[in-house]
Amino acid sequence: MPDNTPDAPFLRAENDGGLRLLAVHAHPDDESSKGAATMASYVAAGVSVMVATCTGGERGDILNAQMADVPHALRDLAGLRRLEMAEAAAALGIEHRWLGFVDSGLPEGDPLPPLPFGCFALQPLERAAAPLVRLVREYRPHVILSYDENGGYPHPDHIMAHRVAVEAYEAAGDPSRYEGLGEPWEPLKLYYDRAFNPERFRALHFALEEAGLQSPYAERIAAWLEADAEGHQPARPTHPTTTQIDCGDYFEHRERALLAHRTQVEPEGFFFAVSADLQRKVWPWEDYSLIHSRVPHELPETDFFAGIE
């Protein structure tokens, strides 16, 4: 069983009765590129927010050229990514737990090579979900946030993170399942993140063009619009946006969290191509799909906790 020792004594024998949000991510840095401003806004509103990171990102590459020759990055990338994660968590004000699995890497080639033995994506579902079920029963979140069935994008660890999040949402409240992992707790709502929402990218793209600025999204939008030889358009997203969280005031928190992941994020790269001020004017939200609710709700929503007493 993976190591589930918390980084800090956040868990309390009796929770304080406040609202709690748990976001499930595959690697350190995913929490900063997906839903970071939302989490910071909820923390500011007094909500307890926890991120569970499934793997340590051990098989990631150094994606920031400025870090390519840094001795710590070359000697111990996994250790450095833990330090980066702690800095990002502090920037967002969130609590954090490592689930302890090993990064699967992103296979490349044709045909694709097999995934490494023992990695997260090859774990049996019940083994992979057990640490998260334990965390759900200890932390007792009202809302769980994860990726869609494609993992947001088809990285094997993202797809497995989706699977374990859904499994924990469905199983944590059932006393007959995962026995010995704490008192049952049933989360009330499950959301999928829509960080790659095409509508958002289009809005930012056209705003940049109107301002006479170069858009970093042109290639991405062209790929979405491109039809194949028979005229078929790419499939529309499986899950539409149901919930938009107004979090524009916290875009700088998101930027600080992203910059904390120095080995993964270039300061002049894609994430910073549009200023926070322009984003606030054009798209001051982060977007989500409500997948399941155990409480009455009305769509569209502007709050994860709508309907929760």
C-alpha atoms as a PDB file:
ATOM      1  CA  MET A   1       0.000   0.000   0.000  1.00  0.00           C
ATOM      2  CA  PRO A   2       1.386   3.453  -0.883  1.00  0.00           C
ATOM      3  CA  ASP A   3       2.611   5.768   1.829  1.00  0.00           C
ATOM      4  CA  ASN A   4      -0.275   7.904   3.058  1.00  0.00           C
ATOM      5  CA  THR A   5       1.543   9.891   5.719  1.00  0.00           C
ATOM      6  CA  PRO A   6       0.257  13.472   5.572  1.00  0.00           C
ATOM      7  CA  ASP A   7       2.684  16.320   5.012  1.00  0.00           C
ATOM      8  CA  ALA A   8       0.985  18.300   7.786  1.00  0.00           C
ATOM      9  CA  PRO A   9      -1.455  17.428  10.587  1.00  0.00           C
ATOM     10  CA  PHE A  10      -4.474  18.781   8.718  1.00  0.00           C
ATOM     11  CA  LEU A  11      -6.820  15.947   9.604  1.00  0.00           C
ATOM     12  CA  ARG A  12      -8.974  16.434  12.645  1.00  0.00           C
ATOM     13  CA  ALA A  13     -10.799  13.822  14.679  1.00  0.00           C
ATOM     14  CA  GLU A  14     -13.904  15.991  14.384  1.00  0.00           C
ATOM     15  CA  ASN A  15     -14.222  18.324  11.405  1.00  0.00           C
ATOM     16  CA  ASP A  16     -15.172  21.919  12.134  1.00  0.00           C
ATOM     17  CA  GLY A  17     -18.474  21.812  10.271  1.00  0.00           C
ATOM     18  CA  GLY A  18     -17.328  24.054   7.423  1.00  0.00           C
ATOM     19  CA  LEU A  19     -17.536  23.308   3.715  1.00  0.00           C
ATOM     20  CA  ARG A  20     -14.813  21.114   2.216  1.00  0.00           C
ATOM     21  CA  LEU A  21     -13.598  20.607  -1.346  1.00  0.00           C
ATOM     22  CA  LEU A  22     -11.275  17.811  -2.499  1.00  0.00           C
ATOM     23  CA  ALA A  23      -9.530  18.061  -5.892  1.00  0.00           C
ATOM     24  CA  VAL A  24      -7.880  14.919  -7.267  1.00  0.00           C
ATOM     25  CA  HIS A  25      -4.851  15.422  -9.540  1.00  0.00           C
ATOM     26  CA  ALA A  26      -2.387  13.133 -11.281  1.00  0.00           C
ATOM     27  CA  HIS A  27       0.915  15.009 -10.867  1.00  0.00           C
ATOM     28  CA  PRO A  28       2.368  18.006  -9.032  1.00  0.00           C
ATOM     29  CA  ASP A  29       1.635  21.067 -11.223  1.00  0.00           C
ATOM     30  CA  ASP A  30      -1.771  19.770 -12.412  1.00  0.00           C
ATOM     31  CA  GLU A  31      -3.451  21.535  -9.490  1.00  0.00           C
ATOM     32  CA  SER A  32      -1.957  24.840 -10.648  1.00  0.00           C
ATOM     33  CA  SER A  33      -2.991  24.552 -14.298  1.00  0.00           C
ATOM     34  CA  LYS A  34      -6.503  23.255 -13.590  1.00  0.00           C
ATOM     35  CA  GLY A  35      -8.813  25.021 -11.168  1.00  0.00           C
ATOM     36  CA  ALA A  36      -6.175  26.895  -9.197  1.00  0.00           C
ATOM     37  CA  ALA A  37      -7.960  30.253  -9.131  1.00  0.00           C
ATOM     38  CA  THR A  38     -11.185  28.514  -8.138  1.00  0.00           C
ATOM     39  CA  MET A  39      -9.475  26.856  -5.200  1.00  0.00           C
ATOM     40  CA  ALA A  40      -7.840  30.092  -4.066  1.00  0.00           C
ATOM     41  CA  SER A  41     -11.189  31.886  -4.233  1.00  0.00           C
ATOM     42  CA  TYR A  42     -12.861  29.257  -2.079  1.00  0.00           C
ATOM     43  CA  VAL A  43     -10.032  29.352   0.446  1.00  0.00           C
ATOM     44  CA  ALA A  44     -10.513  33.125   0.700  1.00  0.00           C
ATOM     45  CA  ALA A  45     -14.222  32.526   1.325  1.00  0.00           C
ATOM     46  CA  GLY A  46     -13.462  30.231   4.255  1.00  0.00           C
ATOM     47  CA  VAL A  47     -13.854  26.867   2.521  1.00  0.00           C
ATOM     48  CA  SER A  48     -11.357  24.128   3.370  1.00  0.00           C
ATOM     49  CA  VAL A  49      -9.674  22.953   0.153  1.00  0.00           C
ATOM     50  CA  MET A  50      -7.552  19.828  -0.191  1.00  0.00           C
ATOM     51  CA  VAL A  51      -5.568  18.600  -3.201  1.00  0.00           C
ATOM     52  CA  ALA A  52      -4.728  14.916  -3.472  1.00  0.00           C
ATOM     53  CA  THR A  53      -1.811  14.283  -5.841  1.00  0.00           C
ATOM     54  CA  CYS A  54      -1.744  10.685  -7.049  1.00  0.00           C
ATOM     55  CA  THR A  55       1.916  10.474  -8.160  1.00  0.00           C
ATOM     56  CA  GLY A  56       5.171  12.255  -7.510  1.00  0.00           C
ATOM     57  CA  GLY A  57       5.784  13.166 -11.147  1.00  0.00           C
ATOM     58  CA  GLU A  58       9.014  11.157 -11.051  1.00  0.00           C
ATOM     59  CA  ARG A  59       9.013  10.439 -14.787  1.00  0.00           C
ATOM     60  CA  GLY A  60       8.282  13.964 -15.888  1.00  0.00           C
ATOM     61  CA  ASP A  61      10.710  15.911 -18.047  1.00  0.00           C
ATOM     62  CA  ILE A  62      12.269  19.274 -17.280  1.00  0.00           C
ATOM     63  CA  LEU A  63      10.032  21.479 -19.428  1.00  0.00           C
ATOM     64  CA  ASN A  64      11.543  24.838 -18.504  1.00  0.00           C
ATOM     65  CA  ALA A  65      14.812  25.437 -20.377  1.00  0.00           C
ATOM     66  CA  GLN A  66      15.994  27.738 -17.575  1.00  0.00           C
ATOM     67  CA  MET A  67      16.078  24.715 -15.247  1.00  0.00           C
ATOM     68  CA  ALA A  68      17.832  22.341 -17.644  1.00  0.00           C
ATOM     69  CA  ASP A  69      21.250  22.650 -15.955  1.00  0.00           C
ATOM     70  CA  VAL A  70      20.145  23.154 -12.346  1.00  0.00           C
ATOM     71  CA  PRO A  71      21.962  20.475 -10.294  1.00  0.00           C
ATOM     72  CA  HIS A  72      18.996  19.729  -8.010  1.00  0.00           C
ATOM     73  CA  ALA A  73      16.726  19.149 -10.999  1.00  0.00           C
ATOM     74  CA  LEU A  74      19.237  16.837 -12.639  1.00  0.00           C
ATOM     75  CA  ARG A  75      20.106  14.967  -9.454  1.00  0.00           C
ATOM     76  CA  ASP A  76      16.681  14.604  -7.827  1.00  0.00           C
ATOM     77  CA  LEU A  77      13.767  15.780  -9.960  1.00  0.00           C
ATOM     78  CA  ALA A  78      11.228  13.956  -7.799  1.00  0.00           C
ATOM     79  CA  GLY A  79      12.511  15.644  -4.649  1.00  0.00           C
ATOM     80  CA  LEU A  80      12.522  19.049  -6.288  1.00  0.00           C
ATOM     81  CA  ARG A  81       8.965  18.569  -7.501  1.00  0.00           C
ATOM     82  CA  ARG A  82       7.873  17.929  -3.916  1.00  0.00           C
ATOM     83  CA  LEU A  83       9.365  21.272  -2.911  1.00  0.00           C
ATOM     84  CA  GLU A  84       7.659  22.948  -5.858  1.00  0.00           C
ATOM     85  CA  MET A  85       4.338  21.416  -4.833  1.00  0.00           C
ATOM     86  CA  ALA A  86       4.691  22.742  -1.292  1.00  0.00           C
ATOM     87  CA  GLU A  87       5.347  26.241  -2.640  1.00  0.00           C
ATOM     88  CA  ALA A  88       2.359  26.055  -4.992  1.00  0.00           C
ATOM     89  CA  ALA A  89       0.093  24.844  -2.176  1.00  0.00           C
ATOM     90  CA  ALA A  90       1.175  27.801  -0.062  1.00  0.00           C
ATOM     91  CA  ALA A  91       0.458  30.205  -2.926  1.00  0.00           C
ATOM     92  CA  LEU A  92      -3.104  28.875  -3.181  1.00  0.00           C
ATOM     93  CA  GLY A  93      -3.680  28.435   0.558  1.00  0.00           C
ATOM     94  CA  ILE A  94      -4.705  24.798   0.113  1.00  0.00           C
ATOM     95  CA  GLU A  95      -3.986  21.668   2.109  1.00  0.00           C
ATOM     96  CA  HIS A  96      -2.224  18.816   0.345  1.00  0.00           C
ATOM     97  CA  ARG A  97      -1.784  15.048   0.453  1.00  0.00           C
ATOM     98  CA  TRP A  98       0.457  12.788  -1.618  1.00  0.00           C
ATOM     99  CA  LEU A  99      -1.203   9.457  -2.410  1.00  0.00           C
ATOM    100  CA  GLY A 100       2.172   7.826  -2.996  1.00  0.00           C
ATOM    101  CA  PHE A 101       1.983   6.187  -6.423  1.00  0.00           C
ATOM    102  CA  VAL A 102       4.732   6.196  -9.054  1.00  0.00           C
ATOM    103  CA  ASP A 103       4.381   8.307 -12.204  1.00  0.00           C
ATOM    104  CA  SER A 104       3.581   6.253 -15.316  1.00  0.00           C
ATOM    105  CA  GLY A 105       5.303   8.590 -17.753  1.00  0.00           C
ATOM    106  CA  LEU A 106       3.855   9.585 -21.102  1.00  0.00           C
ATOM    107  CA  PRO A 107       4.551   6.810 -23.642  1.00  0.00           C
ATOM    108  CA  GLU A 108       5.642   7.936 -27.094  1.00  0.00           C
ATOM    109  CA  GLY A 109       6.262   6.115 -30.342  1.00  0.00           C
ATOM    110  CA  ASP A 110       4.442   3.904 -32.810  1.00  0.00           C
ATOM    111  CA  PRO A 111       3.663   1.422 -31.508  1.00  0.00           C
ATOM    112  CA  LEU A 112       3.545   2.825 -27.988  1.00  0.00           C
ATOM    113  CA  PRO A 113       5.904   1.109 -25.540  1.00  0.00           C
ATOM    114  CA  PRO A 114       4.448  -0.661 -22.495  1.00  0.00           C
ATOM    115  CA  LEU A 115       4.017   1.345 -19.321  1.00  0.00           C
ATOM    116  CA  PRO A 116       6.626   0.820 -16.585  1.00  0.00           C
ATOM    117  CA  PHE A 117       6.030  -2.026 -14.160  1.00  0.00           C
ATOM    118  CA  GLY A 118       4.377  -0.915 -10.926  1.00  0.00           C
ATOM    119  CA  CYS A 119       3.332   2.511 -12.156  1.00  0.00           C
ATOM    120  CA  PHE A 120       0.093   4.214 -11.156  1.00  0.00           C
ATOM    121  CA  ALA A 121      -1.796   3.568 -14.401  1.00  0.00           C
ATOM    122  CA  LEU A 122      -1.213  -0.208 -14.136  1.00  0.00           C
ATOM    123  CA  GLN A 123      -2.543  -0.563 -10.596  1.00  0.00           C
ATOM    124  CA  PRO A 124      -5.740  -2.553 -10.042  1.00  0.00           C
ATOM    125  CA  LEU A 125      -8.522  -0.042  -9.466  1.00  0.00           C
ATOM    126  CA  GLU A 126      -9.230  -1.027  -5.861  1.00  0.00           C
ATOM    127  CA  ARG A 127      -5.556  -0.741  -4.938  1.00  0.00           C
ATOM    128  CA  ALA A 128      -5.224   2.608  -6.694  1.00  0.00           C
ATOM    129  CA  ALA A 129      -8.395   3.995  -5.116  1.00  0.00           C
ATOM    130  CA  ALA A 130      -7.798   2.783  -1.559  1.00  0.00           C
ATOM    131  CA  PRO A 131      -5.624   5.727  -0.392  1.00  0.00           C
ATOM    132  CA  LEU A 132      -8.146   8.169  -1.826  1.00  0.00           C
ATOM    133  CA  VAL A 133     -11.076   6.396  -0.189  1.00  0.00           C
ATOM    134  CA  ARG A 134      -9.183   6.627   3.115  1.00  0.00           C
ATOM    135  CA  LEU A 135      -8.605  10.340   2.558  1.00  0.00           C
ATOM    136  CA  VAL A 136     -12.265  10.972   1.671  1.00  0.00           C
ATOM    137  CA  ARG A 137     -13.351   9.249   4.880  1.00  0.00           C
ATOM    138  CA  GLU A 138     -10.876  11.271   6.952  1.00  0.00           C
ATOM    139  CA  TYR A 139     -11.261  14.654   5.302  1.00  0.00           C
ATOM    140  CA  ARG A 140     -15.005  14.295   4.576  1.00  0.00           C
ATOM    141  CA  PRO A 141     -15.332  16.551   1.517  1.00  0.00           C
ATOM    142  CA  HIS A 142     -18.748  17.707   0.380  1.00  0.00           C
ATOM    143  CA  VAL A 143     -17.502  18.105  -3.199  1.00  0.00           C
ATOM    144  CA  ILE A 144     -14.968  16.155  -5.265  1.00  0.00           C
ATOM    145  CA  LEU A 145     -13.349  17.657  -8.352  1.00  0.00           C
ATOM    146  CA  SER A 146     -11.571  15.541 -10.963  1.00  0.00           C
ATOM    147  CA  TYR A 147     -10.930  15.042 -14.696  1.00  0.00           C
ATOM    148  CA  ASP A 148     -13.249  13.596 -17.322  1.00  0.00           C
ATOM    149  CA  GLU A 149     -12.977  10.074 -18.764  1.00  0.00           C
ATOM    150  CA  ASN A 150     -10.214  11.233 -21.103  1.00  0.00           C
ATOM    151  CA  GLY A 151      -8.207  12.642 -18.232  1.00  0.00           C
ATOM    152  CA  GLY A 152      -8.608  16.170 -19.592  1.00  0.00           C
ATOM    153  CA  TYR A 153      -6.064  14.925 -22.116  1.00  0.00           C
ATOM    154  CA  PRO A 154      -5.142  11.270 -22.609  1.00  0.00           C
ATOM    155  CA  HIS A 155      -2.196  10.838 -20.255  1.00  0.00           C
ATOM    156  CA  PRO A 156      -2.436   7.411 -18.575  1.00  0.00           C
ATOM    157  CA  ASP A 157      -2.077   8.917 -15.099  1.00  0.00           C
ATOM    158  CA  HIS A 158      -4.816  11.465 -15.768  1.00  0.00           C
ATOM    159  CA  ILE A 159      -7.155   8.726 -16.911  1.00  0.00           C
ATOM    160  CA  MET A 160      -6.384   6.673 -13.804  1.00  0.00           C
ATOM    161  CA  ALA A 161      -6.844   9.756 -11.602  1.00  0.00           C
ATOM    162  CA  HIS A 162     -10.310  10.111 -13.105  1.00  0.00           C
ATOM    163  CA  ARG A 163     -11.073   6.459 -12.382  1.00  0.00           C
ATOM    164  CA  VAL A 164      -9.959   6.575  -8.749  1.00  0.00           C
ATOM    165  CA  ALA A 165     -11.827   9.836  -8.111  1.00  0.00           C
ATOM    166  CA  VAL A 166     -15.073   8.351  -9.416  1.00  0.00           C
ATOM    167  CA  GLU A 167     -14.466   5.152  -7.464  1.00  0.00           C
ATOM    168  CA  ALA A 168     -13.879   7.086  -4.237  1.00  0.00           C
ATOM    169  CA  TYR A 169     -16.958   9.243  -4.837  1.00  0.00           C
ATOM    170  CA  GLU A 170     -19.105   6.149  -5.324  1.00  0.00           C
ATOM    171  CA  ALA A 171     -17.565   3.869  -2.693  1.00  0.00           C
ATOM    172  CA  ALA A 172     -16.461   6.006   0.267  1.00  0.00           C
ATOM    173  CA  GLY A 173     -19.976   6.160   1.710  1.00  0.00           C
ATOM    174  CA  ASP A 174     -20.598   2.418   1.452  1.00  0.00           C
ATOM    175  CA  PRO A 175     -19.684   0.598   4.692  1.00  0.00           C
ATOM    176  CA  SER A 176     -19.443  -2.724   2.848  1.00  0.00           C
ATOM    177  CA  ARG A 177     -16.619  -1.473   0.615  1.00  0.00           C
ATOM    178  CA  TYR A 178     -13.015  -0.701   1.507  1.00  0.00           C
ATOM    179  CA  GLU A 179     -13.475  -1.975   5.028  1.00  0.00           C
ATOM    180  CA  GLY A 180     -10.893  -0.853   7.552  1.00  0.00           C
ATOM    181  CA  LEU A 181     -10.217   2.471   5.820  1.00  0.00           C
ATOM    182  CA  GLY A 182     -12.246   4.681   8.132  1.00  0.00           C
ATOM    183  CA  GLU A 183     -15.832   5.581   8.860  1.00  0.00           C
ATOM    184  CA  PRO A 184     -17.953   5.911   5.694  1.00  0.00           C
ATOM    185  CA  TRP A 185     -18.458   9.382   4.260  1.00  0.00           C
ATOM    186  CA  GLU A 186     -20.612  10.175   1.228  1.00  0.00           C
ATOM    187  CA  PRO A 187     -19.574  13.219  -0.822  1.00  0.00           C
ATOM    188  CA  LEU A 188     -22.514  15.146  -2.204  1.00  0.00           C
ATOM    189  CA  LYS A 189     -21.351  16.393  -5.610  1.00  0.00           C
ATOM    190  CA  LEU A 190     -18.864  15.317  -8.282  1.00  0.00           C
ATOM    191  CA  TYR A 191     -17.472  17.731 -10.887  1.00  0.00           C
ATOM    192  CA  TYR A 192     -15.144  17.389 -13.862  1.00  0.00           C
ATOM    193  CA  ASP A 193     -12.724  20.188 -14.646  1.00  0.00           C
ATOM    194  CA  ARG A 194     -12.964  21.887 -18.067  1.00  0.00           C
ATOM    195  CA  ALA A 195      -9.598  23.658 -18.155  1.00  0.00           C
ATOM    196  CA  PHE A 196      -9.449  22.974 -21.906  1.00  0.00           C
ATOM    197  CA  ASN A 197     -12.887  24.453 -22.600  1.00  0.00           C
ATOM    198  CA  PRO A 198     -12.845  25.424 -26.313  1.00  0.00           C
ATOM    199  CA  GLU A 199     -15.228  28.339 -25.719  1.00  0.00           C
ATOM    200  CA  ARG A 200     -12.744  29.948 -23.350  1.00  0.00           C
ATOM    201  CA  PHE A 201      -9.830  29.595 -25.750  1.00  0.00           C
ATOM    202  CA  ARG A 202     -11.882  31.023 -28.619  1.00  0.00           C
ATOM    203  CA  ALA A 203     -12.945  34.026 -26.543  1.00  0.00           C
ATOM    204  CA  LEU A 204      -9.359  34.779 -25.528  1.00  0.00           C
ATOM    205  CA  HIS A 205      -8.119  34.205 -29.063  1.00  0.00           C
ATOM    206  CA  PHE A 206     -10.532  36.702 -30.618  1.00  0.00           C
ATOM    207  CA  ALA A 207      -9.921  39.239 -27.851  1.00  0.00           C
ATOM    208  CA  LEU A 208      -6.197  39.118 -28.560  1.00  0.00           C
ATOM    209  CA  GLU A 209      -6.773  39.519 -32.295  1.00  0.00           C
ATOM    210  CA  GLU A 210      -9.070  42.504 -31.717  1.00  0.00           C
ATOM    211  CA  ALA A 211      -6.372  44.105 -29.582  1.00  0.00           C
ATOM    212  CA  GLY A 212      -3.826  43.559 -32.363  1.00  0.00           C
ATOM    213  CA  LEU A 213      -1.881  41.020 -30.293  1.00  0.00           C
ATOM    214  CA  GLN A 214      -0.556  37.654 -31.349  1.00  0.00           C
ATOM    215  CA  SER A 215      -2.668  34.771 -30.123  1.00  0.00           C
ATOM    216  CA  PRO A 216      -0.994  31.597 -28.803  1.00  0.00           C
ATOM    217  CA  TYR A 217      -4.241  29.727 -29.367  1.00  0.00           C
ATOM    218  CA  ALA A 218      -4.464  29.912 -33.180  1.00  0.00           C
ATOM    219  CA  GLU A 219      -3.003  26.453 -33.770  1.00  0.00           C
ATOM    220  CA  ARG A 220      -5.185  24.857 -31.105  1.00  0.00           C
ATOM    221  CA  ILE A 221      -8.350  26.446 -32.506  1.00  0.00           C
ATOM    222  CA  ALA A 222      -7.446  25.453 -36.057  1.00  0.00           C
ATOM    223  CA  ALA A 223      -7.090  21.840 -34.927  1.00  0.00           C
ATOM    224  CA  TRP A 224     -10.528  21.967 -33.312  1.00  0.00           C
ATOM    225  CA  LEU A 225     -12.067  23.380 -36.488  1.00  0.00           C
ATOM    226  CA  GLU A 226     -10.259  21.101 -38.904  1.00  0.00           C
ATOM    227  CA  ALA A 227     -12.413  18.505 -40.646  1.00  0.00           C
ATOM    228  CA  ASP A 228     -11.149  15.181 -41.939  1.00  0.00           C
ATOM    229  CA  ALA A 229     -11.229  14.102 -45.606  1.00  0.00           C
ATOM    230  CA  GLU A 230     -14.905  13.174 -45.293  1.00  0.00           C
ATOM    231  CA  GLY A 231     -15.875  16.468 -43.699  1.00  0.00           C
ATOM    232  CA  HIS A 232     -16.264  15.220 -40.132  1.00  0.00           C
ATOM    233  CA  GLN A 233     -15.611  17.754 -37.401  1.00  0.00           C
ATOM    234  CA  PRO A 234     -13.820  16.717 -34.189  1.00  0.00           C
ATOM    235  CA  ALA A 235     -16.173  15.363 -31.547  1.00  0.00           C
ATOM    236  CA  ARG A 236     -17.682  17.899 -29.193  1.00  0.00           C
ATOM    237  CA  PRO A 237     -16.759  17.595 -25.512  1.00  0.00           C
ATOM    238  CA  THR A 238     -18.666  14.839 -23.766  1.00  0.00           C
ATOM    239  CA  HIS A 239     -19.650  17.023 -20.833  1.00  0.00           C
ATOM    240  CA  PRO A 240     -20.902  20.591 -21.314  1.00  0.00           C
ATOM    241  CA  THR A 241     -20.121  23.418 -18.948  1.00  0.00           C
ATOM    242  CA  THR A 242     -22.733  23.502 -16.189  1.00  0.00           C
ATOM    243  CA  THR A 243     -20.851  25.522 -13.598  1.00  0.00           C
ATOM    244  CA  GLN A 244     -18.714  28.635 -13.858  1.00  0.00           C
ATOM    245  CA  ILE A 245     -16.843  29.880 -10.811  1.00  0.00           C
ATOM    246  CA  ASP A 246     -16.139  33.615 -10.904  1.00  0.00           C
ATOM    247  CA  CYS A 247     -12.541  33.704  -9.702  1.00  0.00           C
ATOM    248  CA  GLY A 248     -10.881  36.444 -11.755  1.00  0.00           C
ATOM    249  CA  ASP A 249      -9.629  38.180  -8.634  1.00  0.00           C
ATOM    250  CA  TYR A 250      -7.469  35.112  -7.965  1.00  0.00           C
ATOM    251  CA  PHE A 251      -5.758  34.718 -11.344  1.00  0.00           C
ATOM    252  CA  GLU A 252      -2.543  36.072  -9.810  1.00  0.00           C
ATOM    253  CA  HIS A 253      -2.692  33.303  -7.201  1.00  0.00           C
ATOM    254  CA  ARG A 254      -2.877  30.847 -10.090  1.00  0.00           C
ATOM    255  CA  GLU A 255       0.129  32.471 -11.738  1.00  0.00           C
ATOM    256  CA  ARG A 256       2.183  32.281  -8.542  1.00  0.00           C
ATOM    257  CA  ALA A 257       1.294  28.622  -8.133  1.00  0.00           C
ATOM    258  CA  LEU A 258       2.259  27.867 -11.719  1.00  0.00           C
ATOM    259  CA  LEU A 259       5.575  29.679 -11.338  1.00  0.00           C
ATOM    260  CA  ALA A 260       6.322  27.598  -8.263  1.00  0.00           C
ATOM    261  CA  HIS A 261       6.580  24.565 -10.562  1.00  0.00           C
ATOM    262  CA  ARG A 262       9.816  25.835 -12.057  1.00  0.00           C
ATOM    263  CA  THR A 263      10.832  22.564 -13.697  1.00  0.00           C
ATOM    264  CA  GLN A 264       7.512  22.263 -15.524  1.00  0.00           C
ATOM    265  CA  VAL A 265       6.377  25.795 -16.384  1.00  0.00           C
ATOM    266  CA  GLU A 266       8.228  28.409 -18.424  1.00  0.00           C
ATOM    267  CA  PRO A 267       7.690  31.951 -17.089  1.00  0.00           C
ATOM    268  CA  GLU A 268       7.260  33.214 -20.662  1.00  0.00           C
ATOM    269  CA  GLY A 269       5.283  30.206 -21.834  1.00  0.00           C
ATOM    270  CA  PHE A 270       1.748  29.282 -22.816  1.00  0.00           C
ATOM    271  CA  PHE A 271       0.130  29.835 -19.425  1.00  0.00           C
ATOM    272  CA  PHE A 272       1.238  33.468 -19.296  1.00  0.00           C
ATOM    273  CA  ALA A 273       0.494  34.444 -22.903  1.00  0.00           C
ATOM    274  CA  VAL A 274      -2.601  36.414 -21.888  1.00  0.00           C
ATOM    275  CA  SER A 275      -2.431  38.916 -19.043  1.00  0.00           C
ATOM    276  CA  ALA A 276      -4.545  38.359 -15.969  1.00  0.00           C
ATOM    277  CA  ASP A 277      -6.276  41.707 -16.615  1.00  0.00           C
ATOM    278  CA  LEU A 278      -7.343  40.701 -20.126  1.00  0.00           C
ATOM    279  CA  GLN A 279      -8.527  37.312 -18.887  1.00  0.00           C
ATOM    280  CA  ARG A 280     -10.626  39.049 -16.226  1.00  0.00           C
ATOM    281  CA  LYS A 281     -12.303  41.167 -18.909  1.00  0.00           C
ATOM    282  CA  VAL A 282     -12.925  38.316 -21.348  1.00  0.00           C
ATOM    283  CA  TRP A 283     -13.368  35.154 -19.271  1.00  0.00           C
ATOM    284  CA  PRO A 284     -13.255  35.736 -15.507  1.00  0.00           C
ATOM    285  CA  TRP A 285     -14.395  32.193 -14.737  1.00  0.00           C
ATOM    286  CA  GLU A 286     -13.104  28.652 -14.505  1.00  0.00           C
ATOM    287  CA  ASP A 287     -15.399  26.065 -16.038  1.00  0.00           C
ATOM    288  CA  TYR A 288     -16.726  22.724 -14.780  1.00  0.00           C
ATOM    289  CA  SER A 289     -19.277  20.021 -15.478  1.00  0.00           C
ATOM    290  CA  LEU A 290     -21.525  18.769 -12.703  1.00  0.00           C
ATOM    291  CA  ILE A 291     -21.537  14.990 -13.192  1.00  0.00           C
ATOM    292  CA  HIS A 292     -23.486  13.760 -10.188  1.00  0.00           C
ATOM    293  CA  SER A 293     -25.293  15.351  -7.267  1.00  0.00           C
ATOM    294  CA  ARG A 294     -26.893  13.823  -4.204  1.00  0.00           C
ATOM    295  CA  VAL A 295     -28.617  17.101  -3.365  1.00  0.00           C
ATOM    296  CA  PRO A 296     -31.217  19.128  -5.310  1.00  0.00           C
ATOM    297  CA  HIS A 297     -29.628  21.504  -7.784  1.00  0.00           C
ATOM    298  CA  GLU A 298     -30.425  23.851 -10.646  1.00  0.00           C
ATOM    299  CA  LEU A 299     -28.268  24.442 -13.704  1.00  0.00           C
ATOM    300  CA  PRO A 300     -26.375  26.475 -14.619  1.00  0.00           C
ATOM    301  CA  GLU A 301     -24.515  27.016 -11.343  1.00  0.00           C
ATOM    302  CA  THR A 302     -22.035  29.532 -10.029  1.00  0.00           C
ATOM    303  CA  ASP A 303     -21.093  27.660  -6.840  1.00  0.00           C
ATOM    304  CA  PHE A 304     -19.913  24.089  -6.192  1.00  0.00           C
ATOM    305  CA  PHE A 305     -21.796  24.124  -2.907  1.00  0.00           C
ATOM    306  CA  ALA A 306     -25.164  25.204  -4.283  1.00  0.00           C
ATOM    307  CA  GLY A 307     -27.823  23.000  -2.722  1.00  0.00           C
ATOM    308  CA  ILE A 308     -25.605  21.909   0.173  1.00  0.00           C
ATOM    309  CA  GLU A 309     -26.886  23.029   3.566  1.00  0.00           C
END
